Amino acid sequence: MIIYLLAIASPTHGVPASLYYSGWASPDHYANGNSYFGTKLDVGFATGGPLFFTHYSYMGFDPHALTDRYTNYFENNRNIALINRAYCVENPGHHKGYGPDDWGITASDGPAGYLPHEPNTRLDDGTMTPEASMAAFKHFYRDLGDRVWGIYGPIDAFNLDQNWFAPIYIGLNQAPIAVMIENYRTGLIWKLFMSDPEIQPMVGKIESLSKSQ
């Protein structure tokens, strides 16, 4: 999503705002509208897909700031997280450790290599990543810390079914952890990004299109 937003915002090589709906938010594949574990998902993959879809586009861009024809992105991202957590609480795959404080399924390193883990039994092999709510973050630190915490913070992933803990850190994941913690604390990165003079006009263009049809 952020690629489309930045392309529309560009003052020198900008693309038409209409590309947002003909490309990124195409009605043919974008709208969801189904409920999973009692939570409605306006847009996105079934059950929300890998959790990183709620991370990367919104490290700088504040999801509160955009409501399009389908959803408000803070609300939709929160619902994706709620679905992810509810899946882990129900734990249909019966994986060791899953529960209300042990959740956060996303694409990550795993015992079988890097895979796009997501909350469904076909793509969930028991590998958990420590990028979740404060309760989960405290659980990872306090209860699993000697195994999942190191010099750069949380390791990439762990799998209690196989007593496996990633031997690596991935910068692509470490950066969002730091940024999301700061946005939770103060909203600083959101505030800095949204203060760029090119961003608000871009949001206005998309919202104007949203209201016109």
N, C-alpha and C. Protein backbone atom coordinates (compact mmCIF):
# COMPACT_ATOMS: atom_id res chain seq x y z
N MET A 1 0.82 -1.21 0.00
CA MET A 1 0.00 0.00 0.00
C MET A 1 0.86 1.26 0.00
N ILE A 2 1.95 1.24 0.78
CA ILE A 2 2.79 2.44 0.90
C ILE A 2 3.38 2.84 -0.44
N ILE A 3 3.63 1.89 -1.33
CA ILE A 3 4.17 2.23 -2.65
C ILE A 3 3.18 3.10 -3.42
N TYR A 4 1.91 2.74 -3.38
CA TYR A 4 0.89 3.53 -4.05
C TYR A 4 0.76 4.90 -3.41
N LEU A 5 0.78 4.97 -2.09
CA LEU A 5 0.63 6.24 -1.41
C LEU A 5 1.78 7.19 -1.75
N LEU A 6 3.00 6.67 -1.73
CA LEU A 6 4.16 7.51 -2.03
C LEU A 6 4.17 7.93 -3.50
N ALA A 7 3.73 7.03 -4.38
CA ALA A 7 3.69 7.37 -5.81
C ALA A 7 2.70 8.50 -6.06
N ILE A 8 1.55 8.45 -5.40
CA ILE A 8 0.55 9.51 -5.56
C ILE A 8 1.06 10.81 -4.95
N ALA A 9 1.82 10.72 -3.87
CA ALA A 9 2.31 11.91 -3.17
C ALA A 9 3.49 12.58 -3.86
N SER A 10 4.17 11.88 -4.75
CA SER A 10 5.40 12.42 -5.36
C SER A 10 5.14 13.76 -6.05
N PRO A 11 5.92 14.80 -5.72
CA PRO A 11 5.74 16.11 -6.37
C PRO A 11 6.38 16.20 -7.75
N THR A 12 7.21 15.24 -8.10
CA THR A 12 7.93 15.31 -9.39
C THR A 12 7.54 14.21 -10.36
N HIS A 13 7.21 13.03 -9.85
CA HIS A 13 6.86 11.91 -10.72
C HIS A 13 5.59 11.22 -10.22
N GLY A 14 4.64 12.03 -9.79
CA GLY A 14 3.43 11.51 -9.21
C GLY A 14 2.55 10.77 -10.21
N VAL A 15 1.79 9.80 -9.71
CA VAL A 15 0.82 9.07 -10.52
C VAL A 15 -0.58 9.56 -10.13
N PRO A 16 -1.58 9.37 -10.99
CA PRO A 16 -2.94 9.81 -10.66
C PRO A 16 -3.47 9.11 -9.41
N ALA A 17 -4.22 9.84 -8.61
CA ALA A 17 -4.80 9.24 -7.41
C ALA A 17 -5.74 8.09 -7.75
N SER A 18 -6.30 8.11 -8.96
CA SER A 18 -7.21 7.04 -9.37
C SER A 18 -6.53 5.68 -9.40
N LEU A 19 -5.19 5.67 -9.50
CA LEU A 19 -4.46 4.40 -9.51
C LEU A 19 -4.62 3.66 -8.19
N TYR A 20 -4.93 4.40 -7.13
CA TYR A 20 -5.14 3.75 -5.83
C TYR A 20 -6.24 2.70 -5.94
N TYR A 21 -7.33 3.05 -6.64
CA TYR A 21 -8.46 2.13 -6.75
C TYR A 21 -8.35 1.18 -7.94
N SER A 22 -7.68 1.58 -8.99
CA SER A 22 -7.54 0.67 -10.13
C SER A 22 -6.39 -0.30 -9.92
N GLY A 23 -5.49 0.01 -8.98
CA GLY A 23 -4.34 -0.85 -8.69
C GLY A 23 -4.45 -1.50 -7.34
N TRP A 24 -4.04 -0.78 -6.31
CA TRP A 24 -3.98 -1.35 -4.97
C TRP A 24 -5.35 -1.84 -4.47
N ALA A 25 -6.34 -0.95 -4.49
CA ALA A 25 -7.64 -1.28 -3.89
C ALA A 25 -8.65 -1.69 -4.94
N SER A 26 -8.24 -2.48 -5.89
CA SER A 26 -9.14 -2.96 -6.93
C SER A 26 -10.25 -3.80 -6.30
N PRO A 27 -11.52 -3.50 -6.62
CA PRO A 27 -12.62 -4.25 -6.00
C PRO A 27 -12.63 -5.73 -6.36
N ASP A 28 -11.92 -6.12 -7.41
CA ASP A 28 -11.93 -7.52 -7.83
C ASP A 28 -11.26 -8.46 -6.83
N HIS A 29 -10.30 -7.93 -6.08
CA HIS A 29 -9.55 -8.83 -5.20
C HIS A 29 -9.32 -8.26 -3.80
N TYR A 30 -9.84 -7.07 -3.53
CA TYR A 30 -9.43 -6.36 -2.32
C TYR A 30 -10.41 -6.51 -1.17
N ALA A 31 -11.69 -6.28 -1.43
CA ALA A 31 -12.68 -6.31 -0.36
C ALA A 31 -12.81 -7.71 0.21
N ASN A 32 -13.02 -7.78 1.52
CA ASN A 32 -13.22 -9.07 2.18
C ASN A 32 -14.64 -9.15 2.71
N GLY A 33 -14.92 -8.50 3.83
CA GLY A 33 -16.28 -8.44 4.35
C GLY A 33 -16.71 -9.64 5.17
N ASN A 34 -15.85 -10.63 5.33
CA ASN A 34 -16.19 -11.81 6.12
C ASN A 34 -15.75 -11.64 7.57
N SER A 35 -16.30 -12.46 8.44
CA SER A 35 -15.91 -12.45 9.85
C SER A 35 -15.13 -13.72 10.16
N TYR A 36 -14.10 -13.57 10.97
CA TYR A 36 -13.27 -14.69 11.40
C TYR A 36 -13.13 -14.61 12.91
N PHE A 37 -13.49 -15.68 13.60
CA PHE A 37 -13.41 -15.72 15.06
C PHE A 37 -14.19 -14.55 15.68
N GLY A 38 -15.29 -14.18 15.04
CA GLY A 38 -16.15 -13.14 15.56
C GLY A 38 -15.73 -11.72 15.23
N THR A 39 -14.70 -11.55 14.41
CA THR A 39 -14.23 -10.22 14.04
C THR A 39 -14.34 -10.03 12.54
N LYS A 40 -14.98 -8.94 12.12
CA LYS A 40 -15.15 -8.68 10.70
C LYS A 40 -13.88 -8.08 10.10
N LEU A 41 -13.51 -8.57 8.93
CA LEU A 41 -12.35 -8.05 8.21
C LEU A 41 -12.85 -7.36 6.95
N ASP A 42 -12.71 -6.04 6.89
CA ASP A 42 -13.22 -5.28 5.74
C ASP A 42 -12.45 -5.59 4.48
N VAL A 43 -11.11 -5.55 4.59
CA VAL A 43 -10.27 -5.77 3.41
C VAL A 43 -9.11 -6.68 3.77
N GLY A 44 -8.56 -7.34 2.77
CA GLY A 44 -7.39 -8.17 2.98
C GLY A 44 -7.65 -9.64 2.76
N PHE A 45 -6.60 -10.42 2.93
CA PHE A 45 -6.68 -11.86 2.74
C PHE A 45 -7.56 -12.50 3.81
N ALA A 46 -8.06 -13.68 3.51
CA ALA A 46 -8.83 -14.44 4.50
C ALA A 46 -7.99 -14.64 5.77
N THR A 47 -8.58 -14.42 6.90
CA THR A 47 -7.96 -14.46 8.23
C THR A 47 -6.82 -13.47 8.39
N GLY A 48 -6.64 -12.57 7.43
CA GLY A 48 -5.67 -11.49 7.58
C GLY A 48 -4.31 -11.72 6.96
N GLY A 49 -3.99 -12.98 6.61
CA GLY A 49 -2.68 -13.26 6.03
C GLY A 49 -1.56 -13.10 7.05
N PRO A 50 -0.30 -13.19 6.61
CA PRO A 50 0.83 -12.97 7.52
C PRO A 50 0.73 -11.58 8.17
N LEU A 51 1.04 -11.50 9.45
CA LEU A 51 0.81 -10.28 10.21
C LEU A 51 1.64 -9.09 9.71
N PHE A 52 2.71 -9.37 8.97
CA PHE A 52 3.52 -8.24 8.53
C PHE A 52 2.77 -7.32 7.57
N PHE A 53 1.66 -7.77 7.00
CA PHE A 53 0.86 -6.88 6.14
C PHE A 53 0.33 -5.69 6.93
N THR A 54 0.22 -5.83 8.25
CA THR A 54 -0.23 -4.71 9.07
C THR A 54 0.94 -3.88 9.60
N HIS A 55 2.16 -4.21 9.22
CA HIS A 55 3.33 -3.54 9.76
C HIS A 55 3.98 -2.58 8.77
N TYR A 56 4.44 -3.09 7.65
CA TYR A 56 5.40 -2.35 6.86
C TYR A 56 4.86 -1.07 6.24
N SER A 57 3.63 -1.08 5.76
CA SER A 57 3.10 0.13 5.14
C SER A 57 2.77 1.22 6.15
N TYR A 58 2.75 0.85 7.43
CA TYR A 58 2.25 1.79 8.43
C TYR A 58 3.29 2.11 9.50
N MET A 59 4.56 1.87 9.21
CA MET A 59 5.58 2.30 10.15
C MET A 59 5.65 3.81 10.18
N GLY A 60 5.57 4.45 9.00
CA GLY A 60 5.57 5.90 8.93
C GLY A 60 4.18 6.46 8.72
N PHE A 61 3.46 5.89 7.77
CA PHE A 61 2.12 6.38 7.48
C PHE A 61 1.16 5.95 8.59
N ASP A 62 0.50 6.93 9.19
CA ASP A 62 -0.41 6.67 10.31
C ASP A 62 -1.71 6.10 9.76
N PRO A 63 -2.04 4.83 10.09
CA PRO A 63 -3.26 4.21 9.52
C PRO A 63 -4.54 4.87 9.99
N HIS A 64 -4.48 5.64 11.11
CA HIS A 64 -5.67 6.39 11.53
C HIS A 64 -6.09 7.39 10.45
N ALA A 65 -5.12 7.82 9.63
CA ALA A 65 -5.32 8.98 8.77
C ALA A 65 -6.08 8.69 7.49
N LEU A 66 -6.32 7.43 7.17
CA LEU A 66 -6.95 7.13 5.88
C LEU A 66 -8.16 6.23 6.04
N THR A 67 -9.29 6.74 5.57
CA THR A 67 -10.50 5.94 5.43
C THR A 67 -10.90 5.99 3.97
N ASP A 68 -10.88 4.84 3.30
CA ASP A 68 -11.25 4.83 1.88
C ASP A 68 -12.65 4.23 1.73
N ARG A 69 -13.00 3.77 0.55
CA ARG A 69 -14.34 3.25 0.31
C ARG A 69 -14.66 2.01 1.13
N TYR A 70 -13.61 1.35 1.62
CA TYR A 70 -13.80 0.06 2.25
C TYR A 70 -13.65 0.08 3.76
N THR A 71 -12.71 0.88 4.27
CA THR A 71 -12.36 0.73 5.68
C THR A 71 -11.52 1.90 6.17
N ASN A 72 -11.38 1.99 7.48
CA ASN A 72 -10.34 2.80 8.10
C ASN A 72 -9.19 1.86 8.41
N TYR A 73 -7.98 2.26 8.09
CA TYR A 73 -6.88 1.30 8.14
C TYR A 73 -6.38 0.99 9.54
N PHE A 74 -6.56 1.89 10.47
CA PHE A 74 -6.23 1.52 11.85
C PHE A 74 -7.21 0.46 12.34
N GLU A 75 -8.49 0.66 12.08
CA GLU A 75 -9.50 -0.31 12.51
C GLU A 75 -9.28 -1.66 11.84
N ASN A 76 -9.00 -1.65 10.53
CA ASN A 76 -8.80 -2.91 9.82
C ASN A 76 -7.55 -3.64 10.30
N ASN A 77 -6.47 -2.88 10.54
CA ASN A 77 -5.24 -3.50 11.04
C ASN A 77 -5.45 -4.08 12.43
N ARG A 78 -6.19 -3.37 13.26
CA ARG A 78 -6.48 -3.89 14.60
C ARG A 78 -7.29 -5.18 14.49
N ASN A 79 -8.23 -5.22 13.57
CA ASN A 79 -9.03 -6.44 13.40
C ASN A 79 -8.19 -7.61 12.91
N ILE A 80 -7.21 -7.33 12.05
CA ILE A 80 -6.30 -8.39 11.61
C ILE A 80 -5.54 -8.95 12.81
N ALA A 81 -5.09 -8.07 13.70
CA ALA A 81 -4.38 -8.52 14.90
C ALA A 81 -5.31 -9.31 15.82
N LEU A 82 -6.56 -8.87 15.97
CA LEU A 82 -7.51 -9.59 16.81
C LEU A 82 -7.80 -10.99 16.26
N ILE A 83 -7.90 -11.08 14.93
CA ILE A 83 -8.12 -12.40 14.30
C ILE A 83 -6.92 -13.30 14.52
N ASN A 84 -5.72 -12.74 14.35
CA ASN A 84 -4.49 -13.50 14.56
C ASN A 84 -4.44 -14.04 16.00
N ARG A 85 -4.76 -13.18 16.95
CA ARG A 85 -4.73 -13.59 18.35
C ARG A 85 -5.80 -14.64 18.63
N ALA A 86 -7.02 -14.42 18.11
CA ALA A 86 -8.11 -15.37 18.35
C ALA A 86 -7.80 -16.74 17.78
N TYR A 87 -7.14 -16.76 16.61
CA TYR A 87 -6.72 -18.04 16.02
C TYR A 87 -5.77 -18.76 16.97
N CYS A 88 -4.83 -18.03 17.54
CA CYS A 88 -3.85 -18.66 18.43
C CYS A 88 -4.49 -19.12 19.73
N VAL A 89 -5.50 -18.39 20.21
CA VAL A 89 -6.21 -18.81 21.41
C VAL A 89 -6.98 -20.10 21.14
N GLU A 90 -7.66 -20.17 19.99
CA GLU A 90 -8.39 -21.39 19.63
C GLU A 90 -7.42 -22.52 19.30
N ASN A 91 -6.30 -22.19 18.65
CA ASN A 91 -5.21 -23.12 18.38
C ASN A 91 -5.68 -24.40 17.69
N PRO A 92 -6.27 -24.27 16.49
CA PRO A 92 -6.79 -25.47 15.81
C PRO A 92 -5.71 -26.47 15.43
N GLY A 93 -4.46 -26.00 15.29
CA GLY A 93 -3.38 -26.92 14.96
C GLY A 93 -2.74 -27.56 16.19
N HIS A 94 -3.21 -27.19 17.39
CA HIS A 94 -2.71 -27.75 18.65
C HIS A 94 -1.20 -27.57 18.80
N HIS A 95 -0.75 -26.35 18.54
CA HIS A 95 0.68 -26.07 18.66
C HIS A 95 1.04 -25.69 20.09
N LYS A 96 2.17 -26.12 20.53
CA LYS A 96 2.63 -25.89 21.89
C LYS A 96 2.84 -24.39 22.14
N GLY A 97 2.28 -23.92 23.24
CA GLY A 97 2.52 -22.54 23.67
C GLY A 97 1.50 -21.53 23.20
N TYR A 98 0.78 -21.80 22.11
CA TYR A 98 -0.17 -20.81 21.60
C TYR A 98 -1.19 -20.43 22.67
N GLY A 99 -1.54 -19.14 22.71
CA GLY A 99 -2.52 -18.70 23.68
C GLY A 99 -2.67 -17.20 23.66
N PRO A 100 -3.41 -16.63 24.61
CA PRO A 100 -3.71 -15.19 24.58
C PRO A 100 -2.49 -14.29 24.70
N ASP A 101 -1.40 -14.80 25.28
CA ASP A 101 -0.18 -14.01 25.38
C ASP A 101 0.94 -14.53 24.49
N ASP A 102 0.62 -15.49 23.64
CA ASP A 102 1.63 -16.09 22.76
C ASP A 102 1.03 -16.19 21.37
N TRP A 103 1.17 -15.13 20.60
CA TRP A 103 0.56 -15.05 19.27
C TRP A 103 1.37 -14.07 18.43
N GLY A 104 1.04 -13.97 17.16
CA GLY A 104 1.77 -13.09 16.26
C GLY A 104 2.35 -13.86 15.10
N ILE A 105 1.49 -14.53 14.33
CA ILE A 105 1.94 -15.39 13.23
C ILE A 105 2.18 -14.53 11.99
N THR A 106 3.37 -14.68 11.40
CA THR A 106 3.69 -13.90 10.21
C THR A 106 4.81 -14.59 9.43
N ALA A 107 5.11 -14.07 8.26
CA ALA A 107 6.22 -14.61 7.48
C ALA A 107 7.51 -14.45 8.28
N SER A 108 8.28 -15.54 8.36
CA SER A 108 9.49 -15.49 9.18
C SER A 108 10.36 -16.70 8.90
N ASP A 109 11.53 -16.67 9.51
CA ASP A 109 12.39 -17.85 9.53
C ASP A 109 11.67 -18.95 10.30
N GLY A 110 12.01 -20.20 10.02
CA GLY A 110 11.39 -21.32 10.71
C GLY A 110 12.25 -22.56 10.58
N PRO A 111 11.88 -23.65 11.23
CA PRO A 111 12.68 -24.87 11.14
C PRO A 111 12.88 -25.34 9.70
N ALA A 112 11.91 -25.03 8.82
CA ALA A 112 12.02 -25.44 7.42
C ALA A 112 12.45 -24.30 6.51
N GLY A 113 12.97 -23.22 7.09
CA GLY A 113 13.38 -22.06 6.31
C GLY A 113 12.35 -20.94 6.38
N TYR A 114 12.53 -19.95 5.53
CA TYR A 114 11.64 -18.78 5.56
C TYR A 114 10.32 -19.13 4.88
N LEU A 115 9.20 -18.96 5.61
CA LEU A 115 7.89 -19.32 5.09
C LEU A 115 6.87 -18.23 5.43
N PRO A 116 5.80 -18.10 4.63
CA PRO A 116 4.77 -17.09 4.88
C PRO A 116 3.71 -17.58 5.87
N HIS A 117 4.10 -17.78 7.12
CA HIS A 117 3.16 -18.27 8.12
C HIS A 117 1.99 -17.31 8.27
N GLU A 118 0.78 -17.86 8.39
CA GLU A 118 -0.40 -17.05 8.62
C GLU A 118 -1.43 -17.87 9.38
N PRO A 119 -2.47 -17.22 9.94
CA PRO A 119 -3.40 -17.94 10.81
C PRO A 119 -4.41 -18.81 10.08
N ASN A 120 -3.93 -19.89 9.50
CA ASN A 120 -4.78 -20.98 9.04
C ASN A 120 -3.95 -22.26 9.10
N THR A 121 -4.58 -23.38 9.24
CA THR A 121 -3.85 -24.63 9.49
C THR A 121 -2.97 -25.04 8.31
N ARG A 122 -3.26 -24.53 7.11
CA ARG A 122 -2.44 -24.89 5.95
C ARG A 122 -1.09 -24.20 5.99
N LEU A 123 -1.04 -22.97 6.50
CA LEU A 123 0.20 -22.20 6.47
C LEU A 123 0.72 -21.87 7.87
N ASP A 124 0.25 -22.58 8.86
CA ASP A 124 0.71 -22.40 10.23
C ASP A 124 1.39 -23.69 10.68
N ASP A 125 2.69 -23.63 10.88
CA ASP A 125 3.41 -24.84 11.29
C ASP A 125 3.89 -24.77 12.73
N GLY A 126 3.35 -23.81 13.47
CA GLY A 126 3.73 -23.69 14.88
C GLY A 126 4.82 -22.68 15.15
N THR A 127 5.28 -21.98 14.10
CA THR A 127 6.33 -20.99 14.27
C THR A 127 5.72 -19.64 14.61
N MET A 128 6.19 -19.05 15.72
CA MET A 128 5.64 -17.81 16.25
C MET A 128 6.69 -16.71 16.17
N THR A 129 6.26 -15.47 15.87
CA THR A 129 7.20 -14.35 15.84
C THR A 129 6.85 -13.34 16.92
N PRO A 130 7.86 -12.78 17.66
CA PRO A 130 7.59 -11.89 18.78
C PRO A 130 7.35 -10.45 18.35
N GLU A 131 6.29 -10.20 17.60
CA GLU A 131 5.88 -8.86 17.23
C GLU A 131 4.38 -8.79 17.49
N ALA A 132 3.98 -8.42 18.70
CA ALA A 132 2.57 -8.53 19.04
C ALA A 132 2.20 -7.46 20.05
N SER A 133 1.16 -7.69 20.79
CA SER A 133 0.69 -6.72 21.78
C SER A 133 1.65 -6.64 22.96
N MET A 134 1.40 -5.66 23.83
CA MET A 134 2.27 -5.50 24.98
C MET A 134 2.25 -6.73 25.88
N ALA A 135 1.08 -7.35 26.03
CA ALA A 135 1.01 -8.55 26.87
C ALA A 135 1.88 -9.66 26.31
N ALA A 136 1.81 -9.85 24.99
CA ALA A 136 2.64 -10.87 24.36
C ALA A 136 4.11 -10.49 24.45
N PHE A 137 4.40 -9.21 24.25
CA PHE A 137 5.79 -8.76 24.30
C PHE A 137 6.38 -9.04 25.68
N LYS A 138 5.61 -8.79 26.74
CA LYS A 138 6.09 -9.07 28.10
C LYS A 138 6.27 -10.57 28.32
N HIS A 139 5.36 -11.36 27.74
CA HIS A 139 5.49 -12.82 27.86
C HIS A 139 6.77 -13.30 27.19
N PHE A 140 7.02 -12.79 25.97
CA PHE A 140 8.23 -13.20 25.26
C PHE A 140 9.47 -12.82 26.05
N TYR A 141 9.45 -11.64 26.67
CA TYR A 141 10.63 -11.16 27.38
C TYR A 141 10.81 -11.84 28.73
N ARG A 142 9.70 -11.94 29.49
CA ARG A 142 9.80 -12.43 30.86
C ARG A 142 9.83 -13.96 30.96
N ASP A 143 9.06 -14.61 30.10
CA ASP A 143 8.92 -16.06 30.22
C ASP A 143 9.83 -16.84 29.27
N LEU A 144 10.11 -16.27 28.11
CA LEU A 144 10.94 -16.95 27.12
C LEU A 144 12.24 -16.22 26.85
N GLY A 145 12.51 -15.20 27.63
CA GLY A 145 13.59 -14.27 27.34
C GLY A 145 14.96 -14.90 27.16
N ASP A 146 15.27 -15.91 27.97
CA ASP A 146 16.59 -16.51 27.86
C ASP A 146 16.77 -17.26 26.55
N ARG A 147 15.66 -17.53 25.84
CA ARG A 147 15.74 -18.26 24.57
C ARG A 147 15.42 -17.40 23.35
N VAL A 148 14.64 -16.34 23.54
CA VAL A 148 14.21 -15.55 22.37
C VAL A 148 14.75 -14.13 22.38
N TRP A 149 15.56 -13.78 23.37
CA TRP A 149 16.03 -12.40 23.49
C TRP A 149 17.55 -12.39 23.47
N GLY A 150 18.11 -11.48 22.67
CA GLY A 150 19.56 -11.41 22.56
C GLY A 150 20.05 -10.00 22.37
N ILE A 151 21.22 -9.87 21.82
CA ILE A 151 21.90 -8.58 21.73
C ILE A 151 21.12 -7.57 20.90
N TYR A 152 20.35 -8.03 19.90
CA TYR A 152 19.59 -7.12 19.05
C TYR A 152 18.09 -7.12 19.38
N GLY A 153 17.74 -7.67 20.53
CA GLY A 153 16.33 -7.75 20.88
C GLY A 153 15.79 -9.14 20.56
N PRO A 154 14.51 -9.24 20.15
CA PRO A 154 13.93 -10.56 19.88
C PRO A 154 14.56 -11.22 18.66
N ILE A 155 14.78 -12.53 18.75
CA ILE A 155 15.22 -13.28 17.58
C ILE A 155 14.09 -13.30 16.56
N ASP A 156 14.33 -13.85 15.39
CA ASP A 156 13.34 -13.76 14.33
C ASP A 156 12.09 -14.57 14.61
N ALA A 157 12.19 -15.75 15.20
CA ALA A 157 11.02 -16.61 15.42
C ALA A 157 11.40 -17.75 16.34
N PHE A 158 10.36 -18.47 16.79
CA PHE A 158 10.61 -19.68 17.56
C PHE A 158 9.46 -20.65 17.32
N ASN A 159 9.72 -21.93 17.59
CA ASN A 159 8.73 -22.99 17.39
C ASN A 159 8.84 -23.95 18.56
N LEU A 160 7.90 -23.85 19.50
CA LEU A 160 7.97 -24.68 20.69
C LEU A 160 7.65 -26.13 20.40
N ASP A 161 6.88 -26.42 19.34
CA ASP A 161 6.60 -27.81 18.97
C ASP A 161 7.90 -28.57 18.75
N GLN A 162 8.85 -27.88 18.13
CA GLN A 162 10.11 -28.53 17.78
C GLN A 162 11.28 -28.06 18.66
N ASN A 163 10.94 -27.28 19.70
CA ASN A 163 11.97 -26.72 20.58
C ASN A 163 13.05 -26.01 19.76
N TRP A 164 12.57 -25.25 18.78
CA TRP A 164 13.46 -24.56 17.83
C TRP A 164 13.41 -23.06 18.07
N PHE A 165 14.58 -22.43 18.08
CA PHE A 165 14.68 -20.99 18.25
C PHE A 165 15.62 -20.46 17.18
N ALA A 166 15.17 -19.46 16.45
CA ALA A 166 15.95 -18.96 15.32
C ALA A 166 17.34 -18.54 15.76
N PRO A 167 18.35 -18.94 15.01
CA PRO A 167 19.71 -18.53 15.34
C PRO A 167 20.07 -17.17 14.75
N ILE A 168 19.09 -16.52 14.10
CA ILE A 168 19.38 -15.29 13.36
C ILE A 168 18.43 -14.17 13.77
N TYR A 169 18.86 -12.95 13.43
CA TYR A 169 18.01 -11.78 13.45
C TYR A 169 17.85 -11.33 12.00
N ILE A 170 16.68 -10.80 11.65
CA ILE A 170 16.46 -10.27 10.31
C ILE A 170 16.16 -8.79 10.44
N GLY A 171 16.99 -7.96 9.82
CA GLY A 171 16.82 -6.52 9.93
C GLY A 171 15.46 -6.04 9.48
N LEU A 172 14.90 -6.75 8.49
CA LEU A 172 13.57 -6.40 7.99
C LEU A 172 12.52 -6.49 9.08
N ASN A 173 12.77 -7.31 10.09
CA ASN A 173 11.85 -7.43 11.22
C ASN A 173 12.28 -6.59 12.42
N GLN A 174 13.58 -6.46 12.65
CA GLN A 174 14.05 -5.71 13.81
C GLN A 174 13.64 -4.24 13.72
N ALA A 175 13.72 -3.65 12.52
CA ALA A 175 13.38 -2.24 12.36
C ALA A 175 11.92 -1.96 12.72
N PRO A 176 10.95 -2.74 12.18
CA PRO A 176 9.56 -2.48 12.56
C PRO A 176 9.30 -2.63 14.06
N ILE A 177 10.01 -3.55 14.73
CA ILE A 177 9.79 -3.71 16.16
C ILE A 177 10.09 -2.40 16.88
N ALA A 178 11.25 -1.80 16.59
CA ALA A 178 11.63 -0.54 17.24
C ALA A 178 10.67 0.59 16.88
N VAL A 179 10.31 0.67 15.60
CA VAL A 179 9.42 1.74 15.15
C VAL A 179 8.04 1.60 15.77
N MET A 180 7.51 0.37 15.81
CA MET A 180 6.17 0.18 16.35
C MET A 180 6.12 0.42 17.85
N ILE A 181 7.18 0.09 18.56
CA ILE A 181 7.23 0.39 19.99
C ILE A 181 7.16 1.90 20.20
N GLU A 182 7.91 2.65 19.40
CA GLU A 182 7.91 4.11 19.56
C GLU A 182 6.56 4.71 19.16
N ASN A 183 5.94 4.18 18.10
CA ASN A 183 4.61 4.68 17.75
C ASN A 183 3.60 4.36 18.84
N TYR A 184 3.74 3.22 19.48
CA TYR A 184 2.86 2.90 20.61
C TYR A 184 3.10 3.86 21.77
N ARG A 185 4.36 4.16 22.03
CA ARG A 185 4.71 5.03 23.17
C ARG A 185 4.29 6.48 22.92
N THR A 186 4.68 7.03 21.76
CA THR A 186 4.52 8.48 21.55
C THR A 186 3.91 8.85 20.20
N GLY A 187 3.84 7.90 19.28
CA GLY A 187 3.39 8.24 17.92
C GLY A 187 4.41 9.06 17.15
N LEU A 188 5.66 9.07 17.59
CA LEU A 188 6.67 9.96 17.02
C LEU A 188 6.89 9.75 15.53
N ILE A 189 7.08 8.50 15.12
CA ILE A 189 7.38 8.25 13.70
C ILE A 189 6.18 8.60 12.84
N TRP A 190 4.99 8.26 13.30
CA TRP A 190 3.78 8.66 12.59
C TRP A 190 3.71 10.19 12.44
N LYS A 191 3.98 10.89 13.53
CA LYS A 191 3.89 12.36 13.51
C LYS A 191 4.90 12.95 12.53
N LEU A 192 6.11 12.43 12.54
CA LEU A 192 7.14 12.96 11.65
C LEU A 192 6.79 12.70 10.19
N PHE A 193 6.37 11.48 9.88
CA PHE A 193 6.03 11.14 8.50
C PHE A 193 4.83 11.95 8.03
N MET A 194 3.79 12.03 8.85
CA MET A 194 2.56 12.71 8.44
C MET A 194 2.74 14.22 8.34
N SER A 195 3.80 14.76 8.94
CA SER A 195 4.06 16.21 8.86
C SER A 195 4.71 16.61 7.55
N ASP A 196 5.14 15.62 6.74
CA ASP A 196 5.72 15.94 5.44
C ASP A 196 4.67 16.64 4.58
N PRO A 197 5.03 17.77 3.95
CA PRO A 197 4.01 18.54 3.21
C PRO A 197 3.40 17.83 2.02
N GLU A 198 3.99 16.73 1.58
CA GLU A 198 3.44 16.01 0.43
C GLU A 198 2.37 14.99 0.83
N ILE A 199 2.28 14.67 2.12
CA ILE A 199 1.44 13.55 2.55
C ILE A 199 -0.03 13.94 2.66
N GLN A 200 -0.35 15.04 3.31
CA GLN A 200 -1.75 15.40 3.50
C GLN A 200 -2.49 15.64 2.18
N PRO A 201 -1.89 16.32 1.19
CA PRO A 201 -2.58 16.44 -0.10
C PRO A 201 -2.88 15.09 -0.75
N MET A 202 -1.97 14.12 -0.60
CA MET A 202 -2.20 12.78 -1.13
C MET A 202 -3.40 12.13 -0.47
N VAL A 203 -3.47 12.24 0.86
CA VAL A 203 -4.61 11.67 1.59
C VAL A 203 -5.90 12.34 1.13
N GLY A 204 -5.85 13.65 0.94
CA GLY A 204 -7.03 14.37 0.49
C GLY A 204 -7.52 13.91 -0.87
N LYS A 205 -6.60 13.63 -1.78
CA LYS A 205 -6.97 13.16 -3.12
C LYS A 205 -7.69 11.82 -3.04
N ILE A 206 -7.16 10.90 -2.24
CA ILE A 206 -7.77 9.57 -2.13
C ILE A 206 -9.14 9.67 -1.46
N GLU A 207 -9.25 10.49 -0.43
CA GLU A 207 -10.52 10.61 0.26
C GLU A 207 -11.56 11.29 -0.62
N SER A 208 -11.13 12.22 -1.48
CA SER A 208 -12.06 12.85 -2.42
C SER A 208 -12.61 11.82 -3.40
N LEU A 209 -11.73 10.94 -3.89
CA LEU A 209 -12.18 9.87 -4.76
C LEU A 209 -13.13 8.92 -4.03
N SER A 210 -12.85 8.67 -2.76
CA SER A 210 -13.67 7.76 -1.99
C SER A 210 -15.09 8.29 -1.86
N LYS A 211 -15.23 9.60 -1.72
CA LYS A 211 -16.55 10.21 -1.52
C LYS A 211 -17.30 10.41 -2.83
N SER A 212 -16.56 10.43 -3.94
CA SER A 212 -17.19 10.74 -5.23
C SER A 212 -17.90 9.56 -5.86
N GLN A 213 -17.62 8.35 -5.39
CA GLN A 213 -18.24 7.15 -5.99
C GLN A 213 -18.80 6.24 -4.92
